[in-house]
């Protein structure tokens, strides 16, 4: 009986140690992914100013759901199409107050976007808060969902 108790205790300690190691490895992996997510978000910022279908397609998930501060919701095709056609035209985009939280193969990115626009030839300015959900797909970080709200 004593031998079984010792073996059971040893097994429990080993499982706890392995679980702790796995959690530590996941946390380290998440922290090391943050710069990669930040780089993808920066590539998207640049691609929105000078849009090409190839650049945007490389950064946006096929299942994109993009909620605008105007209540309009875009898919991947409509998001890319509007940028390329100039319906949504960003002349400048500045990002501030960005935070990134990686959880497994998903990243939550929040920031404030301040931009000069020229949507359909009409100059304007916008300042909005953004929540972006990025997902690792095929070794690349892709924007899966984005929701914009007007800054208060």
C-alpha atoms as a PDB file:
ATOM      1  CA  UNK A   1       0.000   0.000   0.000  1.00  0.00           C
ATOM      2  CA  UNK A   2       2.810   2.398   0.908  1.00  0.00           C
ATOM      3  CA  UNK A   3       4.494   1.681  -2.442  1.00  0.00           C
ATOM      4  CA  UNK A   4       1.264   2.528  -4.334  1.00  0.00           C
ATOM      5  CA  UNK A   5       0.881   5.775  -2.390  1.00  0.00           C
ATOM      6  CA  UNK A   6       4.477   6.777  -3.193  1.00  0.00           C
ATOM      7  CA  UNK A   7       3.984   5.955  -6.883  1.00  0.00           C
ATOM      8  CA  UNK A   8       0.694   7.860  -7.031  1.00  0.00           C
ATOM      9  CA  UNK A   9       2.286  10.884  -5.342  1.00  0.00           C
ATOM     10  CA  UNK A  10       5.279  10.746  -7.694  1.00  0.00           C
ATOM     11  CA  UNK A  11       2.947  10.563 -10.683  1.00  0.00           C
ATOM     12  CA  UNK A  12       0.932  13.547  -9.433  1.00  0.00           C
ATOM     13  CA  UNK A  13       4.106  15.585  -8.897  1.00  0.00           C
ATOM     14  CA  UNK A  14       5.373  14.665 -12.382  1.00  0.00           C
ATOM     15  CA  UNK A  15       2.067  15.648 -14.013  1.00  0.00           C
ATOM     16  CA  UNK A  16       2.023  18.952 -12.116  1.00  0.00           C
ATOM     17  CA  UNK A  17       5.603  19.668 -13.182  1.00  0.00           C
ATOM     18  CA  UNK A  18       4.853  18.861 -16.817  1.00  0.00           C
ATOM     19  CA  UNK A  19       1.698  20.960 -16.767  1.00  0.00           C
ATOM     20  CA  UNK A  20       3.652  23.854 -15.294  1.00  0.00           C
ATOM     21  CA  UNK A  21       6.330  23.457 -17.960  1.00  0.00           C
ATOM     22  CA  UNK A  22       3.689  23.400 -20.688  1.00  0.00           C
ATOM     23  CA  UNK A  23       2.068  26.529 -19.277  1.00  0.00           C
ATOM     24  CA  UNK A  24       5.452  28.243 -19.071  1.00  0.00           C
ATOM     25  CA  UNK A  25       6.271  27.223 -22.628  1.00  0.00           C
ATOM     26  CA  UNK A  26       2.904  28.512 -23.856  1.00  0.00           C
ATOM     27  CA  UNK A  27       3.417  31.836 -22.045  1.00  0.00           C
ATOM     28  CA  UNK A  28       6.921  32.160 -23.512  1.00  0.00           C
ATOM     29  CA  UNK A  29       5.589  31.270 -26.965  1.00  0.00           C
ATOM     30  CA  UNK A  30       2.810  33.861 -26.606  1.00  0.00           C
ATOM     31  CA  UNK A  31       5.259  36.567 -25.543  1.00  0.00           C
ATOM     32  CA  UNK A  32       7.586  35.766 -28.449  1.00  0.00           C
ATOM     33  CA  UNK A  33       4.634  35.979 -30.858  1.00  0.00           C
ATOM     34  CA  UNK A  34       3.757  39.562 -29.899  1.00  0.00           C
ATOM     35  CA  UNK A  35       6.438  41.146 -32.147  1.00  0.00           C
ATOM     36  CA  UNK A  36       5.223  39.014 -35.070  1.00  0.00           C
ATOM     37  CA  UNK A  37       1.643  40.181 -34.509  1.00  0.00           C
ATOM     38  CA  UNK A  38       2.841  43.792 -34.239  1.00  0.00           C
ATOM     39  CA  UNK A  39       4.701  43.385 -37.545  1.00  0.00           C
ATOM     40  CA  UNK A  40       1.576  42.003 -39.243  1.00  0.00           C
ATOM     41  CA  UNK A  41      -0.526  44.879 -37.860  1.00  0.00           C
ATOM     42  CA  UNK A  42       2.047  47.364 -39.173  1.00  0.00           C
ATOM     43  CA  UNK A  43       1.998  45.707 -42.604  1.00  0.00           C
ATOM     44  CA  UNK A  44      -1.783  46.085 -42.631  1.00  0.00           C
ATOM     45  CA  UNK A  45      -1.489  49.785 -41.700  1.00  0.00           C
ATOM     46  CA  UNK A  46       0.872  50.344 -44.636  1.00  0.00           C
ATOM     47  CA  UNK A  47      -1.269  48.234 -46.998  1.00  0.00           C
ATOM     48  CA  UNK A  48      -4.352  50.280 -46.130  1.00  0.00           C
ATOM     49  CA  UNK A  49      -2.551  53.471 -47.204  1.00  0.00           C
ATOM     50  CA  UNK A  50      -1.171  52.007 -50.439  1.00  0.00           C
ATOM     51  CA  UNK A  51      -3.564  49.106 -51.106  1.00  0.00           C
ATOM     52  CA  UNK A  52      -2.891  46.253 -53.465  1.00  0.00           C
ATOM     53  CA  UNK A  53      -4.970  43.088 -53.603  1.00  0.00           C
ATOM     54  CA  UNK A  54      -1.868  40.921 -53.097  1.00  0.00           C
ATOM     55  CA  UNK A  55      -0.660  42.759 -49.976  1.00  0.00           C
ATOM     56  CA  UNK A  56      -4.112  42.834 -48.393  1.00  0.00           C
ATOM     57  CA  UNK A  57      -4.909  39.210 -49.255  1.00  0.00           C
ATOM     58  CA  UNK A  58      -1.704  38.108 -47.513  1.00  0.00           C
ATOM     59  CA  UNK A  59      -2.813  39.820 -44.282  1.00  0.00           C
ATOM     60  CA  UNK A  60      -6.554  39.160 -44.162  1.00  0.00           C
ATOM     61  CA  UNK A  61      -8.281  35.878 -43.319  1.00  0.00           C
ATOM     62  CA  UNK A  62     -10.809  34.472 -45.777  1.00  0.00           C
ATOM     63  CA  UNK A  63     -13.480  34.657 -43.040  1.00  0.00           C
ATOM     64  CA  UNK A  64     -12.841  38.328 -42.180  1.00  0.00           C
ATOM     65  CA  UNK A  65     -15.599  40.178 -40.355  1.00  0.00           C
ATOM     66  CA  UNK A  66     -14.810  43.902 -40.313  1.00  0.00           C
ATOM     67  CA  UNK A  67     -17.214  46.118 -38.390  1.00  0.00           C
ATOM     68  CA  UNK A  68     -16.868  49.815 -39.160  1.00  0.00           C
ATOM     69  CA  UNK A  69     -17.682  52.637 -36.748  1.00  0.00           C
ATOM     70  CA  UNK A  70     -20.472  53.554 -39.201  1.00  0.00           C
ATOM     71  CA  UNK A  71     -22.199  50.193 -38.504  1.00  0.00           C
ATOM     72  CA  UNK A  72     -21.262  48.752 -41.914  1.00  0.00           C
ATOM     73  CA  UNK A  73     -19.768  45.246 -41.889  1.00  0.00           C
ATOM     74  CA  UNK A  74     -17.274  44.138 -44.512  1.00  0.00           C
ATOM     75  CA  UNK A  75     -16.135  40.732 -45.658  1.00  0.00           C
ATOM     76  CA  UNK A  76     -12.649  40.068 -47.014  1.00  0.00           C
ATOM     77  CA  UNK A  77     -13.776  40.801 -50.572  1.00  0.00           C
ATOM     78  CA  UNK A  78     -15.645  44.026 -49.768  1.00  0.00           C
ATOM     79  CA  UNK A  79     -12.874  45.274 -47.443  1.00  0.00           C
ATOM     80  CA  UNK A  80     -10.162  44.770 -50.070  1.00  0.00           C
ATOM     81  CA  UNK A  81     -12.409  45.957 -52.919  1.00  0.00           C
ATOM     82  CA  UNK A  82     -13.315  49.235 -51.176  1.00  0.00           C
ATOM     83  CA  UNK A  83      -9.663  50.015 -50.394  1.00  0.00           C
ATOM     84  CA  UNK A  84      -8.410  49.212 -53.895  1.00  0.00           C
ATOM     85  CA  UNK A  85     -11.251  51.187 -55.553  1.00  0.00           C
ATOM     86  CA  UNK A  86     -10.729  54.231 -53.298  1.00  0.00           C
ATOM     87  CA  UNK A  87     -14.160  54.026 -51.691  1.00  0.00           C
ATOM     88  CA  UNK A  88     -12.205  53.743 -48.423  1.00  0.00           C
ATOM     89  CA  UNK A  89      -9.078  55.839 -48.994  1.00  0.00           C
ATOM     90  CA  UNK A  90      -6.572  56.361 -46.208  1.00  0.00           C
ATOM     91  CA  UNK A  91      -4.062  59.116 -46.964  1.00  0.00           C
ATOM     92  CA  UNK A  92      -2.310  58.733 -43.593  1.00  0.00           C
ATOM     93  CA  UNK A  93      -2.780  56.383 -40.657  1.00  0.00           C
ATOM     94  CA  UNK A  94      -1.194  56.830 -37.232  1.00  0.00           C
ATOM     95  CA  UNK A  95      -1.528  54.113 -34.595  1.00  0.00           C
ATOM     96  CA  UNK A  96      -1.229  54.887 -30.874  1.00  0.00           C
ATOM     97  CA  UNK A  97      -1.809  53.174 -27.538  1.00  0.00           C
ATOM     98  CA  UNK A  98      -1.441  49.713 -29.078  1.00  0.00           C
ATOM     99  CA  UNK A  99      -1.657  46.635 -26.871  1.00  0.00           C
ATOM    100  CA  UNK A 100      -1.247  43.021 -27.956  1.00  0.00           C
ATOM    101  CA  UNK A 101      -2.309  39.915 -26.046  1.00  0.00           C
ATOM    102  CA  UNK A 102      -1.519  36.534 -27.602  1.00  0.00           C
ATOM    103  CA  UNK A 103      -3.543  33.532 -26.463  1.00  0.00           C
ATOM    104  CA  UNK A 104      -2.450  30.377 -28.270  1.00  0.00           C
ATOM    105  CA  UNK A 105      -2.911  30.942 -31.996  1.00  0.00           C
ATOM    106  CA  UNK A 106      -5.076  34.040 -31.517  1.00  0.00           C
ATOM    107  CA  UNK A 107      -4.044  37.612 -30.773  1.00  0.00           C
ATOM    108  CA  UNK A 108      -6.111  40.504 -29.477  1.00  0.00           C
ATOM    109  CA  UNK A 109      -4.841  43.866 -30.704  1.00  0.00           C
ATOM    110  CA  UNK A 110      -6.270  47.170 -29.477  1.00  0.00           C
ATOM    111  CA  UNK A 111      -5.221  50.640 -30.575  1.00  0.00           C
ATOM    112  CA  UNK A 112      -6.352  54.114 -31.512  1.00  0.00           C
ATOM    113  CA  UNK A 113      -6.284  54.886 -35.231  1.00  0.00           C
ATOM    114  CA  UNK A 114      -6.008  58.502 -36.338  1.00  0.00           C
ATOM    115  CA  UNK A 115      -6.165  59.088 -40.087  1.00  0.00           C
ATOM    116  CA  UNK A 116      -6.596  61.531 -42.909  1.00  0.00           C
ATOM    117  CA  UNK A 117      -9.017  60.072 -45.431  1.00  0.00           C
ATOM    118  CA  UNK A 118     -10.205  60.776 -48.945  1.00  0.00           C
ATOM    119  CA  UNK A 119     -13.137  58.351 -49.190  1.00  0.00           C
ATOM    120  CA  UNK A 120     -14.595  58.469 -52.703  1.00  0.00           C
ATOM    121  CA  UNK A 121     -12.712  61.747 -53.242  1.00  0.00           C
ATOM    122  CA  UNK A 122     -14.107  63.434 -50.103  1.00  0.00           C
ATOM    123  CA  UNK A 123     -11.345  64.581 -47.682  1.00  0.00           C
ATOM    124  CA  UNK A 124     -11.858  63.867 -43.996  1.00  0.00           C
ATOM    125  CA  UNK A 125     -10.305  62.996 -40.665  1.00  0.00           C
ATOM    126  CA  UNK A 126     -11.086  60.094 -38.385  1.00  0.00           C
ATOM    127  CA  UNK A 127     -10.092  58.972 -34.917  1.00  0.00           C
ATOM    128  CA  UNK A 128     -11.404  55.567 -33.906  1.00  0.00           C
ATOM    129  CA  UNK A 129     -10.671  52.824 -31.398  1.00  0.00           C
ATOM    130  CA  UNK A 130      -9.933  49.449 -32.952  1.00  0.00           C
ATOM    131  CA  UNK A 131     -10.226  45.911 -31.636  1.00  0.00           C
ATOM    132  CA  UNK A 132      -8.523  43.460 -33.962  1.00  0.00           C
ATOM    133  CA  UNK A 133      -8.527  39.695 -33.667  1.00  0.00           C
ATOM    134  CA  UNK A 134      -5.611  38.054 -35.439  1.00  0.00           C
ATOM    135  CA  UNK A 135      -5.250  34.325 -35.998  1.00  0.00           C
ATOM    136  CA  UNK A 136      -2.208  32.321 -36.932  1.00  0.00           C
ATOM    137  CA  UNK A 137      -2.987  30.544 -40.202  1.00  0.00           C
ATOM    138  CA  UNK A 138      -0.366  28.552 -42.088  1.00  0.00           C
ATOM    139  CA  UNK A 139       2.427  30.150 -40.082  1.00  0.00           C
ATOM    140  CA  UNK A 140       1.187  33.705 -40.822  1.00  0.00           C
ATOM    141  CA  UNK A 141      -0.793  36.109 -38.661  1.00  0.00           C
ATOM    142  CA  UNK A 142      -4.013  37.122 -40.438  1.00  0.00           C
ATOM    143  CA  UNK A 143      -6.717  39.564 -39.455  1.00  0.00           C
ATOM    144  CA  UNK A 144      -9.828  37.518 -38.675  1.00  0.00           C
ATOM    145  CA  UNK A 145     -12.063  40.196 -37.136  1.00  0.00           C
ATOM    146  CA  UNK A 146     -11.920  43.916 -36.586  1.00  0.00           C
ATOM    147  CA  UNK A 147     -14.347  46.254 -34.852  1.00  0.00           C
ATOM    148  CA  UNK A 148     -14.046  50.026 -34.907  1.00  0.00           C
ATOM    149  CA  UNK A 149     -15.837  52.451 -32.577  1.00  0.00           C
ATOM    150  CA  UNK A 150     -15.734  56.209 -32.566  1.00  0.00           C
ATOM    151  CA  UNK A 151     -13.348  57.640 -29.984  1.00  0.00           C
ATOM    152  CA  UNK A 152     -15.087  59.580 -27.228  1.00  0.00           C
END
